[in-house]
């Protein structure tokens, strides 16, 4: 099991109020909200890096949406 560590993030008071308000609306604690936001950003960045690598490896060649659907039998 991975160990967890804590860190400190500083926000302006107005931003922190918005975080608390949104977390409440989402039914989460502020900590959960911020953790999820960071994890989503990391996932988006990794997905982007994968896409860039795939484009590089394909030398810019792409497959149309229709061709993909045909290959999948859709």
PDB file of N, CA and C in Angstrom:
ATOM      1  N   UNK A   1       0.842  -1.178   0.000  1.00  0.00           N
ATOM      2  CA  UNK A   1       0.000   0.000   0.000  1.00  0.00           C
ATOM      3  C   UNK A   1       0.891   1.247   0.000  1.00  0.00           C
ATOM      4  N   UNK A   2       0.526   2.210  -0.817  1.00  0.00           N
ATOM      5  CA  UNK A   2       1.306   3.442  -0.911  1.00  0.00           C
ATOM      6  C   UNK A   2       1.090   4.289   0.340  1.00  0.00           C
ATOM      7  N   UNK A   3       2.150   4.923   0.756  1.00  0.00           N
ATOM      8  CA  UNK A   3       2.013   5.840   1.886  1.00  0.00           C
ATOM      9  C   UNK A   3       1.567   7.194   1.360  1.00  0.00           C
ATOM     10  N   UNK A   4       0.865   7.918   2.180  1.00  0.00           N
ATOM     11  CA  UNK A   4       0.416   9.243   1.774  1.00  0.00           C
ATOM     12  C   UNK A   4       1.208  10.291   2.520  1.00  0.00           C
ATOM     13  N   UNK A   5       1.380  11.412   1.889  1.00  0.00           N
ATOM     14  CA  UNK A   5       2.068  12.545   2.488  1.00  0.00           C
ATOM     15  C   UNK A   5       1.197  13.759   2.293  1.00  0.00           C
ATOM     16  N   UNK A   6       1.428  14.763   3.066  1.00  0.00           N
ATOM     17  CA  UNK A   6       0.635  15.983   2.930  1.00  0.00           C
ATOM     18  C   UNK A   6       1.515  17.116   2.433  1.00  0.00           C
ATOM     19  N   UNK A   7       0.854  18.125   1.889  1.00  0.00           N
ATOM     20  CA  UNK A   7       1.534  19.315   1.416  1.00  0.00           C
ATOM     21  C   UNK A   7       0.651  20.510   1.736  1.00  0.00           C
ATOM     22  N   UNK A   8       1.196  21.671   1.578  1.00  0.00           N
ATOM     23  CA  UNK A   8       0.437  22.890   1.831  1.00  0.00           C
ATOM     24  C   UNK A   8       0.282  23.657   0.529  1.00  0.00           C
ATOM     25  N   UNK A   9      -0.936  24.099   0.282  1.00  0.00           N
ATOM     26  CA  UNK A   9      -1.212  24.943  -0.876  1.00  0.00           C
ATOM     27  C   UNK A   9      -1.808  26.236  -0.348  1.00  0.00           C
ATOM     28  N   UNK A  10      -1.296  27.335  -0.821  1.00  0.00           N
ATOM     29  CA  UNK A  10      -1.804  28.633  -0.388  1.00  0.00           C
ATOM     30  C   UNK A  10      -2.694  29.226  -1.469  1.00  0.00           C
ATOM     31  N   UNK A  11      -3.877  29.695  -1.068  1.00  0.00           N
ATOM     32  CA  UNK A  11      -4.822  30.337  -1.968  1.00  0.00           C
ATOM     33  C   UNK A  11      -5.221  31.688  -1.385  1.00  0.00           C
ATOM     34  N   UNK A  12      -5.551  32.606  -2.279  1.00  0.00           N
ATOM     35  CA  UNK A  12      -6.177  33.842  -1.815  1.00  0.00           C
ATOM     36  C   UNK A  12      -7.501  33.467  -1.152  1.00  0.00           C
ATOM     37  N   UNK A  13      -7.951  34.291  -0.239  1.00  0.00           N
ATOM     38  CA  UNK A  13      -9.171  34.000   0.508  1.00  0.00           C
ATOM     39  C   UNK A  13     -10.373  33.818  -0.419  1.00  0.00           C
ATOM     40  N   UNK A  14     -10.472  34.644  -1.466  1.00  0.00           N
ATOM     41  CA  UNK A  14     -11.590  34.537  -2.397  1.00  0.00           C
ATOM     42  C   UNK A  14     -11.593  33.190  -3.118  1.00  0.00           C
ATOM     43  N   UNK A  15     -10.423  32.747  -3.528  1.00  0.00           N
ATOM     44  CA  UNK A  15     -10.321  31.453  -4.227  1.00  0.00           C
ATOM     45  C   UNK A  15     -10.674  30.324  -3.266  1.00  0.00           C
ATOM     46  N   UNK A  16     -10.200  30.409  -2.048  1.00  0.00           N
ATOM     47  CA  UNK A  16     -10.484  29.366  -1.058  1.00  0.00           C
ATOM     48  C   UNK A  16     -11.982  29.287  -0.766  1.00  0.00           C
ATOM     49  N   UNK A  17     -12.637  30.423  -0.722  1.00  0.00           N
ATOM     50  CA  UNK A  17     -14.093  30.422  -0.519  1.00  0.00           C
ATOM     51  C   UNK A  17     -14.794  29.727  -1.681  1.00  0.00           C
ATOM     52  N   UNK A  18     -14.329  29.984  -2.914  1.00  0.00           N
ATOM     53  CA  UNK A  18     -14.920  29.327  -4.082  1.00  0.00           C
ATOM     54  C   UNK A  18     -14.698  27.814  -4.029  1.00  0.00           C
ATOM     55  N   UNK A  19     -13.515  27.408  -3.588  1.00  0.00           N
ATOM     56  CA  UNK A  19     -13.213  25.972  -3.460  1.00  0.00           C
ATOM     57  C   UNK A  19     -14.148  25.328  -2.452  1.00  0.00           C
ATOM     58  N   UNK A  20     -14.297  25.951  -1.289  1.00  0.00           N
ATOM     59  CA  UNK A  20     -15.194  25.410  -0.257  1.00  0.00           C
ATOM     60  C   UNK A  20     -16.634  25.338  -0.762  1.00  0.00           C
ATOM     61  N   UNK A  21     -17.076  26.381  -1.449  1.00  0.00           N
ATOM     62  CA  UNK A  21     -18.451  26.418  -1.966  1.00  0.00           C
ATOM     63  C   UNK A  21     -18.670  25.311  -2.992  1.00  0.00           C
ATOM     64  N   UNK A  22     -17.736  25.158  -3.929  1.00  0.00           N
ATOM     65  CA  UNK A  22     -17.882  24.125  -4.956  1.00  0.00           C
ATOM     66  C   UNK A  22     -17.807  22.736  -4.346  1.00  0.00           C
ATOM     67  N   UNK A  23     -16.906  22.542  -3.390  1.00  0.00           N
ATOM     68  CA  UNK A  23     -16.797  21.243  -2.720  1.00  0.00           C
ATOM     69  C   UNK A  23     -18.112  20.897  -2.023  1.00  0.00           C
ATOM     70  N   UNK A  24     -18.705  21.868  -1.360  1.00  0.00           N
ATOM     71  CA  UNK A  24     -20.000  21.645  -0.701  1.00  0.00           C
ATOM     72  C   UNK A  24     -21.067  21.261  -1.720  1.00  0.00           C
ATOM     73  N   UNK A  25     -21.105  21.981  -2.849  1.00  0.00           N
ATOM     74  CA  UNK A  25     -22.093  21.678  -3.893  1.00  0.00           C
ATOM     75  C   UNK A  25     -21.902  20.266  -4.447  1.00  0.00           C
ATOM     76  N   UNK A  26     -20.645  19.833  -4.515  1.00  0.00           N
ATOM     77  CA  UNK A  26     -20.323  18.500  -5.032  1.00  0.00           C
ATOM     78  C   UNK A  26     -20.451  17.409  -3.970  1.00  0.00           C
ATOM     79  N   UNK A  27     -20.733  17.810  -2.733  1.00  0.00           N
ATOM     80  CA  UNK A  27     -20.840  16.830  -1.647  1.00  0.00           C
ATOM     81  C   UNK A  27     -19.512  16.243  -1.237  1.00  0.00           C
ATOM     82  N   UNK A  28     -18.459  17.038  -1.358  1.00  0.00           N
ATOM     83  CA  UNK A  28     -17.108  16.587  -1.011  1.00  0.00           C
ATOM     84  C   UNK A  28     -16.522  17.517   0.043  1.00  0.00           C
ATOM     85  N   UNK A  29     -15.511  17.011   0.709  1.00  0.00           N
ATOM     86  CA  UNK A  29     -14.729  17.907   1.555  1.00  0.00           C
ATOM     87  C   UNK A  29     -13.839  18.742   0.640  1.00  0.00           C
ATOM     88  N   UNK A  30     -13.342  19.832   1.142  1.00  0.00           N
ATOM     89  CA  UNK A  30     -12.430  20.668   0.354  1.00  0.00           C
ATOM     90  C   UNK A  30     -11.175  19.887  -0.021  1.00  0.00           C
ATOM     91  N   UNK A  31     -10.708  19.055   0.889  1.00  0.00           N
ATOM     92  CA  UNK A  31      -9.524  18.239   0.611  1.00  0.00           C
ATOM     93  C   UNK A  31      -9.785  17.277  -0.541  1.00  0.00           C
ATOM     94  N   UNK A  32     -10.940  16.597  -0.509  1.00  0.00           N
ATOM     95  CA  UNK A  32     -11.292  15.682  -1.602  1.00  0.00           C
ATOM     96  C   UNK A  32     -11.390  16.437  -2.923  1.00  0.00           C
ATOM     97  N   UNK A  33     -12.025  17.599  -2.892  1.00  0.00           N
ATOM     98  CA  UNK A  33     -12.195  18.400  -4.099  1.00  0.00           C
ATOM     99  C   UNK A  33     -10.844  18.764  -4.704  1.00  0.00           C
ATOM    100  N   UNK A  34      -9.932  19.262  -3.863  1.00  0.00           N
ATOM    101  CA  UNK A  34      -8.612  19.668  -4.360  1.00  0.00           C
ATOM    102  C   UNK A  34      -7.805  18.466  -4.833  1.00  0.00           C
ATOM    103  N   UNK A  35      -7.872  17.363  -4.099  1.00  0.00           N
ATOM    104  CA  UNK A  35      -7.150  16.152  -4.504  1.00  0.00           C
ATOM    105  C   UNK A  35      -7.662  15.678  -5.861  1.00  0.00           C
ATOM    106  N   UNK A  36      -8.982  15.615  -6.023  1.00  0.00           N
ATOM    107  CA  UNK A  36      -9.565  15.174  -7.294  1.00  0.00           C
ATOM    108  C   UNK A  36      -9.195  16.114  -8.431  1.00  0.00           C
ATOM    109  N   UNK A  37      -9.166  17.411  -8.163  1.00  0.00           N
ATOM    110  CA  UNK A  37      -8.796  18.378  -9.202  1.00  0.00           C
ATOM    111  C   UNK A  37      -7.356  18.145  -9.660  1.00  0.00           C
ATOM    112  N   UNK A  38      -6.468  17.902  -8.730  1.00  0.00           N
ATOM    113  CA  UNK A  38      -5.063  17.652  -9.080  1.00  0.00           C
ATOM    114  C   UNK A  38      -4.939  16.344  -9.854  1.00  0.00           C
ATOM    115  N   UNK A  39      -5.632  15.299  -9.400  1.00  0.00           N
ATOM    116  CA  UNK A  39      -5.557  14.009 -10.089  1.00  0.00           C
ATOM    117  C   UNK A  39      -6.132  14.097 -11.502  1.00  0.00           C
ATOM    118  N   UNK A  40      -7.226  14.845 -11.682  1.00  0.00           N
ATOM    119  CA  UNK A  40      -7.787  15.037 -13.021  1.00  0.00           C
ATOM    120  C   UNK A  40      -6.797  15.774 -13.920  1.00  0.00           C
ATOM    121  N   UNK A  41      -6.131  16.782 -13.393  1.00  0.00           N
ATOM    122  CA  UNK A  41      -5.141  17.534 -14.174  1.00  0.00           C
ATOM    123  C   UNK A  41      -3.990  16.614 -14.575  1.00  0.00           C
ATOM    124  N   UNK A  42      -3.522  15.792 -13.643  1.00  0.00           N
ATOM    125  CA  UNK A  42      -2.447  14.846 -13.963  1.00  0.00           C
ATOM    126  C   UNK A  42      -2.874  13.880 -15.057  1.00  0.00           C
ATOM    127  N   UNK A  43      -4.093  13.347 -14.947  1.00  0.00           N
ATOM    128  CA  UNK A  43      -4.592  12.417 -15.952  1.00  0.00           C
ATOM    129  C   UNK A  43      -4.702  13.090 -17.313  1.00  0.00           C
ATOM    130  N   UNK A  44      -5.206  14.317 -17.336  1.00  0.00           N
ATOM    131  CA  UNK A  44      -5.297  15.060 -18.597  1.00  0.00           C
ATOM    132  C   UNK A  44      -3.915  15.271 -19.214  1.00  0.00           C
ATOM    133  N   UNK A  45      -2.946  15.618 -18.391  1.00  0.00           N
ATOM    134  CA  UNK A  45      -1.583  15.836 -18.889  1.00  0.00           C
ATOM    135  C   UNK A  45      -0.981  14.553 -19.437  1.00  0.00           C
ATOM    136  N   UNK A  46      -1.201  13.449 -18.736  1.00  0.00           N
ATOM    137  CA  UNK A  46      -0.677  12.165 -19.211  1.00  0.00           C
ATOM    138  C   UNK A  46      -1.358  11.750 -20.515  1.00  0.00           C
ATOM    139  N   UNK A  47      -2.675  11.969 -20.603  1.00  0.00           N
ATOM    140  CA  UNK A  47      -3.391  11.659 -21.851  1.00  0.00           C
ATOM    141  C   UNK A  47      -2.842  12.494 -23.001  1.00  0.00           C
ATOM    142  N   UNK A  48      -2.585  13.763 -22.743  1.00  0.00           N
ATOM    143  CA  UNK A  48      -2.050  14.647 -23.774  1.00  0.00           C
ATOM    144  C   UNK A  48      -0.665  14.164 -24.223  1.00  0.00           C
ATOM    145  N   UNK A  49       0.184  13.812 -23.252  1.00  0.00           N
ATOM    146  CA  UNK A  49       1.517  13.321 -23.594  1.00  0.00           C
ATOM    147  C   UNK A  49       1.434  12.043 -24.423  1.00  0.00           C
ATOM    148  N   UNK A  50       0.502  11.151 -24.061  1.00  0.00           N
ATOM    149  CA  UNK A  50       0.303   9.926 -24.850  1.00  0.00           C
ATOM    150  C   UNK A  50      -0.112  10.256 -26.275  1.00  0.00           C
ATOM    151  N   UNK A  51      -1.028  11.214 -26.423  1.00  0.00           N
ATOM    152  CA  UNK A  51      -1.490  11.599 -27.761  1.00  0.00           C
ATOM    153  C   UNK A  51      -0.350  12.167 -28.589  1.00  0.00           C
ATOM    154  N   UNK A  52       0.456  13.023 -27.990  1.00  0.00           N
ATOM    155  CA  UNK A  52       1.597  13.602 -28.705  1.00  0.00           C
ATOM    156  C   UNK A  52       2.565  12.502 -29.128  1.00  0.00           C
ATOM    157  N   UNK A  53       2.838  11.574 -28.232  1.00  0.00           N
ATOM    158  CA  UNK A  53       3.734  10.461 -28.563  1.00  0.00           C
ATOM    159  C   UNK A  53       3.155   9.602 -29.683  1.00  0.00           C
ATOM    160  N   UNK A  54       1.852   9.352 -29.637  1.00  0.00           N
ATOM    161  CA  UNK A  54       1.217   8.547 -30.693  1.00  0.00           C
ATOM    162  C   UNK A  54       1.310   9.246 -32.044  1.00  0.00           C
ATOM    163  N   UNK A  55       1.102  10.551 -32.057  1.00  0.00           N
ATOM    164  CA  UNK A  55       1.205  11.305 -33.314  1.00  0.00           C
ATOM    165  C   UNK A  55       2.633  11.260 -33.843  1.00  0.00           C
ATOM    166  N   UNK A  56       3.612  11.432 -32.949  1.00  0.00           N
ATOM    167  CA  UNK A  56       5.021  11.353 -33.365  1.00  0.00           C
ATOM    168  C   UNK A  56       5.336   9.990 -33.963  1.00  0.00           C
ATOM    169  N   UNK A  57       4.899   8.943 -33.265  1.00  0.00           N
ATOM    170  CA  UNK A  57       5.202   7.583 -33.715  1.00  0.00           C
ATOM    171  C   UNK A  57       4.503   7.241 -35.023  1.00  0.00           C
ATOM    172  N   UNK A  58       3.354   7.877 -35.284  1.00  0.00           N
ATOM    173  CA  UNK A  58       2.631   7.594 -36.524  1.00  0.00           C
ATOM    174  C   UNK A  58       3.090   8.505 -37.658  1.00  0.00           C
ATOM    175  N   UNK A  59       4.045   9.393 -37.364  1.00  0.00           N
ATOM    176  CA  UNK A  59       4.563  10.346 -38.350  1.00  0.00           C
ATOM    177  C   UNK A  59       3.439  11.188 -38.949  1.00  0.00           C
ATOM    178  N   UNK A  60       2.445  11.501 -38.115  1.00  0.00           N
ATOM    179  CA  UNK A  60       1.351  12.363 -38.543  1.00  0.00           C
ATOM    180  C   UNK A  60       0.228  11.664 -39.280  1.00  0.00           C
ATOM    181  N   UNK A  61       0.369  10.367 -39.526  1.00  0.00           N
ATOM    182  CA  UNK A  61      -0.690   9.647 -40.219  1.00  0.00           C
ATOM    183  C   UNK A  61      -1.854   9.421 -39.255  1.00  0.00           C
ATOM    184  N   UNK A  62      -3.054   9.617 -39.752  1.00  0.00           N
ATOM    185  CA  UNK A  62      -4.239   9.447 -38.919  1.00  0.00           C
ATOM    186  C   UNK A  62      -5.212   8.486 -39.581  1.00  0.00           C
ATOM    187  N   UNK A  63      -6.203   8.071 -38.828  1.00  0.00           N
ATOM    188  CA  UNK A  63      -7.259   7.193 -39.318  1.00  0.00           C
ATOM    189  C   UNK A  63      -8.570   7.924 -39.074  1.00  0.00           C
ATOM    190  N   UNK A  64      -9.433   7.930 -40.067  1.00  0.00           N
ATOM    191  CA  UNK A  64     -10.704   8.636 -39.920  1.00  0.00           C
ATOM    192  C   UNK A  64     -11.608   7.922 -38.925  1.00  0.00           C
ATOM    193  N   UNK A  65     -12.549   8.672 -38.420  1.00  0.00           N
ATOM    194  CA  UNK A  65     -13.526   8.118 -37.479  1.00  0.00           C
ATOM    195  C   UNK A  65     -14.306   6.982 -38.144  1.00  0.00           C
ATOM    196  N   UNK A  66     -14.686   7.185 -39.383  1.00  0.00           N
ATOM    197  CA  UNK A  66     -15.433   6.158 -40.110  1.00  0.00           C
ATOM    198  C   UNK A  66     -14.618   4.871 -40.272  1.00  0.00           C
ATOM    199  N   UNK A  67     -13.318   5.001 -40.555  1.00  0.00           N
ATOM    200  CA  UNK A  67     -12.460   3.818 -40.688  1.00  0.00           C
ATOM    201  C   UNK A  67     -12.358   3.066 -39.360  1.00  0.00           C
ATOM    202  N   UNK A  68     -12.264   3.819 -38.265  1.00  0.00           N
ATOM    203  CA  UNK A  68     -12.205   3.176 -36.945  1.00  0.00           C
ATOM    204  C   UNK A  68     -13.497   2.424 -36.677  1.00  0.00           C
ATOM    205  N   UNK A  69     -14.624   3.055 -37.001  1.00  0.00           N
ATOM    206  CA  UNK A  69     -15.929   2.397 -36.794  1.00  0.00           C
ATOM    207  C   UNK A  69     -16.017   1.123 -37.626  1.00  0.00           C
ATOM    208  N   UNK A  70     -15.512   1.166 -38.848  1.00  0.00           N
ATOM    209  CA  UNK A  70     -15.529  -0.028 -39.705  1.00  0.00           C
ATOM    210  C   UNK A  70     -14.668  -1.136 -39.090  1.00  0.00           C
ATOM    211  N   UNK A  71     -13.470  -0.738 -38.608  1.00  0.00           N
ATOM    212  CA  UNK A  71     -12.570  -1.730 -37.998  1.00  0.00           C
ATOM    213  C   UNK A  71     -13.191  -2.373 -36.770  1.00  0.00           C
ATOM    214  N   UNK A  72     -14.020  -1.605 -36.054  1.00  0.00           N
ATOM    215  CA  UNK A  72     -14.663  -2.119 -34.841  1.00  0.00           C
ATOM    216  C   UNK A  72     -16.008  -2.770 -35.127  1.00  0.00           C
ATOM    217  N   UNK A  73     -16.422  -2.732 -36.382  1.00  0.00           N
ATOM    218  CA  UNK A  73     -17.690  -3.341 -36.758  1.00  0.00           C
ATOM    219  C   UNK A  73     -18.906  -2.555 -36.277  1.00  0.00           C
ATOM    220  N   UNK A  74     -18.754  -1.249 -36.200  1.00  0.00           N
ATOM    221  CA  UNK A  74     -19.868  -0.397 -35.736  1.00  0.00           C
ATOM    222  C   UNK A  74     -20.561   0.290 -36.886  1.00  0.00           C
TER     223      UNK A  74
END
